[in-house]
Every structure is written in C-alpha cells, then in structure tokens.
Protein backbone atom coordinates (compact mmCIF):
# COMPACT_ATOMS: atom_id res chain seq x y z
CA MET A 1 23.93 60.65 32.73
CA LYS A 2 25.11 57.06 33.28
CA ASN A 3 21.68 55.71 32.18
CA SER A 4 21.88 57.78 29.00
CA ARG A 5 25.24 56.27 28.12
CA TYR A 6 23.90 52.73 28.67
CA LEU A 7 20.89 53.50 26.51
CA LEU A 8 23.10 54.88 23.72
CA LEU A 9 25.32 51.79 23.87
CA ILE A 10 22.34 49.41 23.60
CA VAL A 11 20.87 51.35 20.66
CA SER A 12 24.25 51.26 18.85
CA ILE A 13 24.57 47.49 19.32
CA LEU A 14 21.06 46.89 18.03
CA PHE A 15 21.71 49.13 15.02
CA LEU A 16 24.97 47.36 14.11
CA SER A 17 23.35 43.95 14.56
CA SER A 18 20.44 44.86 12.32
CA CYS A 19 22.86 46.11 9.61
CA GLY A 20 24.79 42.86 9.77
CA LEU A 21 21.61 40.83 9.38
CA ASN A 22 20.44 42.96 6.45
CA ASN A 23 23.78 42.64 4.65
CA GLN A 24 23.83 38.90 5.24
CA GLY A 25 20.27 38.61 4.00
CA LYS A 26 21.08 40.55 0.81
CA GLU A 27 24.11 38.39 0.11
CA GLU A 28 22.13 35.19 0.52
CA VAL A 29 19.41 36.42 -1.83
CA THR A 30 22.02 37.42 -4.42
CA LEU A 31 23.69 34.01 -4.30
CA ALA A 32 20.39 32.17 -4.41
CA THR A 33 19.10 34.07 -7.46
CA LYS A 34 22.33 34.25 -9.46
CA PRO A 35 21.78 32.36 -12.76
CA GLN A 36 24.04 29.46 -13.59
CA GLN A 37 26.27 30.38 -16.51
CA GLY A 38 28.92 28.72 -18.63
CA PRO A 39 29.47 25.14 -19.86
CA GLN A 40 30.74 24.08 -16.42
CA GLN A 41 27.03 24.09 -15.46
CA ASN A 42 25.89 22.37 -18.67
CA GLN A 43 26.40 18.73 -17.82
CA PRO A 44 22.70 18.03 -17.05
CA CYS A 45 21.87 19.28 -20.58
CA LEU A 46 24.63 17.41 -22.43
CA GLU A 47 24.66 13.89 -23.82
CA LYS A 48 27.96 12.10 -23.26
CA GLY A 49 29.64 9.57 -25.51
CA THR A 50 30.65 6.03 -24.53
CA LYS A 51 33.12 3.47 -25.81
CA GLU A 52 30.34 1.10 -26.82
CA SER A 53 28.44 3.44 -29.14
CA LEU A 54 29.14 5.52 -32.22
CA GLU A 55 28.06 9.13 -31.55
CA LEU A 56 27.51 11.64 -34.34
CA VAL A 57 26.54 15.27 -33.81
CA SER A 58 25.37 18.11 -36.04
CA TRP A 59 26.02 21.56 -34.60
CA ASN A 60 25.55 24.93 -36.27
CA ILE A 61 27.96 27.06 -34.20
CA GLU A 62 26.66 30.35 -35.67
CA HIS A 63 29.40 32.48 -37.19
CA PHE A 64 32.09 30.90 -35.05
CA PRO A 65 33.45 32.40 -32.90
CA LYS A 66 30.34 34.46 -32.23
CA ALA A 67 31.69 36.25 -29.14
CA GLY A 68 35.41 35.92 -29.76
CA ASN A 69 37.56 34.41 -27.07
CA GLU A 70 34.55 33.74 -24.80
CA THR A 71 33.08 31.51 -27.50
CA LEU A 72 36.38 29.67 -27.96
CA ILE A 73 36.62 28.89 -24.25
CA GLU A 74 33.04 27.71 -23.92
CA VAL A 75 33.00 25.63 -27.11
CA GLU A 76 36.21 23.91 -26.04
CA LYS A 77 34.72 22.97 -22.66
CA THR A 78 31.46 21.85 -24.22
CA ILE A 79 33.17 19.55 -26.75
CA LEU A 80 35.29 17.99 -24.01
CA GLN A 81 32.23 17.39 -21.85
CA MET A 82 30.24 15.90 -24.74
CA ASP A 83 33.03 13.42 -25.51
CA MET A 84 31.34 12.52 -28.80
CA ASP A 85 33.05 10.73 -31.70
CA LEU A 86 32.22 13.10 -34.57
CA ILE A 87 30.79 16.61 -34.72
CA ALA A 88 29.72 18.08 -38.06
CA VAL A 89 29.85 21.86 -37.60
CA GLN A 90 28.38 24.60 -39.73
CA GLU A 91 29.18 28.33 -39.92
CA ILE A 92 32.92 28.56 -39.33
CA SER A 93 33.39 32.26 -40.03
CA LYS A 94 37.05 32.52 -38.95
CA PRO A 95 39.10 29.44 -39.91
CA LYS A 96 42.18 30.62 -37.96
CA GLN A 97 40.12 30.72 -34.78
CA PHE A 98 38.85 27.22 -35.57
CA ASP A 99 42.49 26.10 -35.96
CA PHE A 100 43.25 27.66 -32.57
CA LEU A 101 40.35 25.72 -31.04
CA MET A 102 41.65 22.46 -32.48
CA ASP A 103 45.12 23.14 -31.06
CA LYS A 104 43.48 23.19 -27.62
CA LEU A 105 41.58 19.93 -28.16
CA HIS A 106 44.43 17.42 -28.03
CA ASP A 107 42.28 14.29 -28.54
CA TYR A 108 40.54 15.79 -31.56
CA GLN A 109 41.38 16.84 -35.07
CA GLY A 110 39.41 19.19 -37.29
CA VAL A 111 39.02 19.91 -40.98
CA TYR A 112 36.96 22.43 -42.92
CA GLY A 113 36.01 23.12 -46.51
CA GLU A 114 37.34 25.73 -48.90
CA ASN A 115 34.02 27.51 -49.27
CA LYS A 116 34.84 30.98 -47.97
CA TYR A 117 31.32 31.79 -46.78
CA ILE A 118 30.73 30.31 -43.31
CA ARG A 119 32.53 27.03 -43.93
CA LEU A 120 31.56 23.51 -43.00
CA GLY A 121 33.84 21.36 -40.87
CA PHE A 122 34.32 18.10 -38.99
CA ILE A 123 35.70 17.64 -35.49
CA TYR A 124 36.55 14.02 -34.72
CA ASN A 125 38.01 12.10 -31.78
CA ILE A 126 41.27 10.51 -32.92
CA ASN A 127 40.96 7.83 -30.23
CA GLU A 128 37.59 6.73 -31.57
CA LEU A 129 37.71 7.32 -35.32
CA GLU A 130 40.22 6.43 -38.01
CA VAL A 131 40.17 8.40 -41.26
CA VAL A 132 39.53 6.16 -44.26
CA GLU A 133 39.14 8.90 -46.87
CA GLU A 134 40.13 12.55 -46.43
CA ALA A 135 37.55 15.33 -46.63
CA VAL A 136 36.30 16.48 -50.05
CA GLU A 137 33.61 18.92 -51.15
CA LEU A 138 30.75 17.94 -53.43
CA PHE A 139 28.87 19.97 -56.06
CA LYS A 140 31.28 22.91 -55.88
CA THR A 141 29.97 24.43 -59.13
CA GLN A 142 26.26 23.98 -58.28
CA THR A 143 25.97 27.08 -56.14
CA ARG A 144 22.26 27.59 -56.74
CA GLU A 145 21.41 24.36 -54.94
CA PHE A 146 24.47 24.31 -52.67
CA PRO A 147 25.62 27.81 -51.64
CA ARG A 148 27.89 25.93 -49.22
CA SER A 149 29.41 22.82 -50.79
CA PRO A 150 28.65 19.64 -48.78
CA LEU A 151 31.72 18.30 -46.97
CA VAL A 152 32.27 14.53 -47.14
CA MET A 153 34.62 12.33 -45.12
CA LYS A 154 34.90 8.57 -44.55
CA PHE A 155 35.72 7.05 -41.16
CA LYS A 156 36.17 3.75 -39.37
CA HIS A 157 34.87 3.47 -35.81
CA ILE A 158 37.77 1.82 -34.01
CA SER A 159 35.73 0.13 -31.26
CA THR A 160 33.20 -1.57 -33.55
CA GLY A 161 34.95 -1.62 -36.93
CA GLU A 162 31.97 0.21 -38.51
CA VAL A 163 32.97 2.09 -41.69
CA PHE A 164 30.74 5.00 -42.67
CA THR A 165 30.69 8.14 -44.80
CA ALA A 166 29.64 11.41 -43.16
CA ILE A 167 28.11 14.17 -45.29
CA ASN A 168 27.91 17.63 -43.71
CA MET A 169 25.22 19.92 -45.15
CA HIS A 170 24.15 23.55 -44.85
CA LEU A 171 21.38 24.41 -47.29
CA LYS A 172 20.06 27.79 -48.40
CA CYS A 173 18.34 29.67 -45.62
CA CYS A 174 15.08 31.53 -45.30
CA SER A 175 11.45 31.17 -46.31
CA GLY A 176 9.91 31.81 -49.69
CA THR A 177 9.05 29.64 -52.69
CA THR A 178 12.39 30.17 -54.43
CA ASN A 179 14.49 29.20 -51.41
CA ILE A 180 12.35 26.15 -50.65
CA GLN A 181 12.72 25.00 -54.27
CA ARG A 182 16.50 25.41 -54.05
CA ARG A 183 16.53 23.16 -51.00
CA LYS A 184 14.28 20.58 -52.66
CA ASP A 185 16.51 20.49 -55.74
CA ALA A 186 19.60 20.12 -53.55
CA MET A 187 18.14 17.12 -51.75
CA LYS A 188 17.24 15.41 -55.03
CA ILE A 189 20.77 15.92 -56.36
CA LEU A 190 22.28 14.64 -53.11
CA LYS A 191 20.12 11.52 -53.00
CA ASN A 192 20.85 10.69 -56.62
CA HIS A 193 24.58 11.02 -55.94
CA ILE A 194 24.43 8.71 -52.92
CA ASP A 195 22.23 6.15 -54.71
CA ILE A 196 24.70 5.93 -57.61
CA ASN A 197 28.05 6.29 -55.85
CA MET A 198 27.44 4.92 -52.34
CA SER A 199 24.77 2.28 -52.84
CA GLY A 200 24.67 -0.19 -49.96
CA GLU A 201 27.25 1.75 -47.92
CA SER A 202 26.70 3.18 -44.45
CA VAL A 203 26.09 6.90 -44.87
CA VAL A 204 25.08 9.54 -42.37
CA ILE A 205 23.89 12.95 -43.56
CA LEU A 206 24.05 15.68 -40.92
CA GLY A 207 23.57 19.40 -40.99
CA ASP A 208 21.50 22.53 -40.95
CA PHE A 209 18.92 22.04 -43.69
CA ASN A 210 17.10 25.31 -42.93
CA GLU A 211 13.82 23.47 -43.30
CA PRO A 212 11.51 22.20 -40.54
CA ILE A 213 10.35 18.62 -40.40
CA THR A 214 6.83 18.50 -41.80
CA ILE A 215 4.25 15.88 -42.60
CA LEU A 216 4.94 13.47 -45.45
CA ASN A 217 4.06 15.62 -48.45
CA GLU A 218 5.87 15.52 -51.80
CA ASP A 219 5.08 19.13 -52.70
CA LYS A 220 5.94 20.74 -49.35
CA ASN A 221 8.61 18.51 -47.86
CA ILE A 222 12.24 18.72 -49.04
CA TYR A 223 12.99 15.42 -47.27
CA TYR A 224 10.25 13.46 -49.05
CA GLN A 225 12.51 11.43 -51.38
CA PHE A 226 14.56 10.19 -48.42
CA GLN A 227 11.53 9.51 -46.23
CA ILE A 228 9.76 7.22 -48.69
CA ASP A 229 12.91 5.21 -49.51
CA PRO A 230 13.35 2.24 -47.11
CA ASN A 231 17.12 2.42 -47.66
CA TYR A 232 17.21 5.62 -45.59
CA PHE A 233 15.94 6.66 -42.18
CA MET A 234 15.52 10.24 -40.99
CA SER A 235 16.24 9.74 -37.31
CA THR A 236 15.28 13.27 -36.33
CA GLU A 237 11.64 12.56 -37.23
CA VAL A 238 11.27 11.37 -33.63
CA LEU A 239 11.45 15.05 -32.59
CA LEU A 240 8.58 16.18 -34.81
CA ASN A 241 6.02 16.06 -32.00
CA ASP A 242 8.38 17.28 -29.27
CA PRO A 243 8.76 21.08 -29.64
CA ASP A 244 10.87 21.26 -26.46
CA SER A 245 13.60 19.34 -28.30
CA TRP A 246 13.60 21.35 -31.52
CA SER A 247 17.03 22.54 -32.56
CA TYR A 248 16.24 26.21 -33.23
CA PRO A 249 14.63 27.65 -30.08
CA LYS A 250 14.71 31.34 -31.13
CA TRP A 251 12.03 30.66 -33.77
CA PRO A 252 10.78 27.32 -32.52
CA SER A 253 11.42 24.83 -35.31
CA HIS A 254 13.59 21.84 -36.04
CA LEU A 255 16.05 22.70 -38.80
CA ASP A 256 18.98 20.38 -38.06
CA GLN A 257 18.56 16.81 -39.26
CA ILE A 258 20.29 13.43 -39.35
CA ILE A 259 19.64 10.80 -42.03
CA ILE A 260 21.27 7.35 -41.99
CA SER A 261 21.57 4.41 -44.39
CA GLY A 262 23.31 1.06 -44.89
CA ASN A 263 24.38 -1.01 -41.91
CA LEU A 264 23.59 1.89 -39.57
CA LEU A 265 19.89 1.11 -40.05
CA LYS A 266 20.34 -2.19 -38.22
CA GLN A 267 21.76 -0.62 -35.09
CA LYS A 268 20.01 0.61 -31.96
CA GLN A 269 19.45 4.34 -32.37
CA VAL A 270 18.86 7.24 -30.00
CA THR A 271 18.36 10.75 -31.40
CA ASP A 272 17.78 14.00 -29.55
CA SER A 273 18.98 17.58 -29.18
CA MET A 274 21.18 18.93 -26.41
CA GLN A 275 19.19 21.76 -24.85
CA ILE A 276 22.23 23.60 -23.52
CA ASP A 277 20.41 26.93 -23.45
CA ARG A 278 18.24 25.58 -20.63
CA CYS A 279 21.33 25.16 -18.43
CA ASP A 280 23.43 28.09 -19.64
CA SER A 281 21.78 31.50 -19.81
CA THR A 282 24.59 32.81 -22.06
CA TYR A 283 24.49 29.98 -24.62
CA ILE A 284 22.48 31.73 -27.35
CA GLU A 285 24.31 35.00 -26.80
CA LYS A 286 27.85 33.60 -26.77
CA ILE A 287 27.82 30.29 -28.63
CA SER A 288 24.94 29.65 -31.03
CA ASP A 289 21.26 30.05 -31.82
CA HIS A 290 21.17 26.33 -32.74
CA ARG A 291 21.30 23.38 -30.37
CA PRO A 292 23.52 20.38 -31.15
CA VAL A 293 21.56 17.37 -32.44
CA TYR A 294 22.99 13.88 -32.03
CA ILE A 295 22.49 10.24 -32.84
CA LYS A 296 23.95 7.37 -30.79
CA LEU A 297 24.30 4.07 -32.61
CA GLU A 298 24.97 0.77 -30.90
CA ALA A 299 24.97 -2.78 -32.28
CA ASN A 300 21.95 -4.81 -31.17
C-alpha cells in the first residue's frame, strides 16, 4: 500500500513537471514567432533627418486616415521618427483628422488644398523651415489634366539659407491611353509654367504621378520633357533598376517621383524609399499602400 502511494506521488510530479515544460515551450515559441508590429519597430526601415541636410519627402498616405485612430497614432509616431524637414502628402480624405494630427505634432505645421477630393498637403518642421510664400493651388480650372490641383509653397531652409519652391502633385490614376495622355499633358503644362514663372529658381516637384519610371521614350514616358532638359533632374531615376525600393509594393512599380532644379542640382543628393512595410506587418493595412520616397540634399 505504501509503495503504491509513493508510485502515485512520483507519477504526479512527473506529470506536473511535463505540463510546466510544455507550457513554457509554447510560450517561448509564441514570443519568438510573434511578428513585429507598429512604427515603434520601424526605425531600421526609416531614414532620419539631420541638421546639416535638407530632407524632402513625398508620401501618399492613402485616404488618410485609412484605419481611423490607429492610423493617426502610427502616422504621428512615424513622422516624429523620420524627423524630416518637409513631407508632401497626398490623399487627405478627412481634413479634420489631419488637423487633429497636426495638433499632436508640436514641432510641425500642416496645410492642405481646397480640392475636396483626397486633398494634397504639406507637413513641415517649423524649426527647420521658414515659410516664404503661403500655399496656393495651380491650374484649378484645368481638371482634365489636374483632377487634384497641384499645391505650391515656398520655403527657406533655416540651417543653410536655401530658398526653394515645393510643388506637390497627384496626377490621374490608372492605365489606359486616355489616362496616360492626361498625365502627359499635365506634365507639359507644369513644365511650361515652371520654365516661364520660376526660371533659374530652386524647385522640387514631389508626388504621386501614377506613372512608373520607364526608359527614355517621348511617346511612352510622361517625364520625357523633364528628363531631356539639363535644368532638371529626376532623382528617383536611381530606383529604376532596384525593384525592392519601388514605392508601390502591392503592384510592384515606382509611381512616386521627385524632380529638382536650380541650385538644388549642385548639392549632394541621396534618394530612396522608406520600406516601412518590411518592418511593420500592419503598414499597408493601417497606413498606406505607398511607401514614402525622400531626397536628402547637402551642400558639397
């Protein structure tokens, strides 16, 4: 009888021990395989600004705020971690929510256009940029070429004294001969306007052009007029042969471009995309289907 009790006690201890090991093992596997989520894990995939350089970003934030309050929280954290000077944003669907975001970003101010269909906006660091000319919209009556009126604003970079005009674009979407022609016509109108009204000035054109970078071809390339003119440089051309850096990963293509002119051409340039979706598994679901694209400019 005594031996039976000892045997039962030993079996019970072994059973409890094995359960504890199994539970511990399951917990360790769960922790090890849990995906990293949220901008707090995004730093390896973000480019950060510095005092020495002028940093300009184009970011289609896809019907902001795409997932309501979750989007607001994550976009706020991402902007703070970027610490860039100027962000040209596209697709502000709810201006009041954009205003709420700006109230949270104390070192930044934001503006947006009057176009009521997914507006364009600028977010700028007030410690880095001084407003020279307030935001205006161009080509407001030319809705065929510009369904969303380009937003223009002039700044002075406080650290370097560089004065430049930023033009935020969001051209007609989608494939098809008609849509491509609308984009080509828009780019011709834009270039003619800059050549006449901003000749010799430092200009940066940023935005979602809804057109991939292609080979230099006048018939097929909406950027052709800018590419053949030595007074302009399409900095995002460096990404043409790097599909991993393309700005629209859902349908791999590079739709978001940056074009510079004037004194900016003389400066050291670095252009790339921020592949946040590689660090944050919820990025495309909660923030945007586009990656931010940036240029860093620094005097040689």
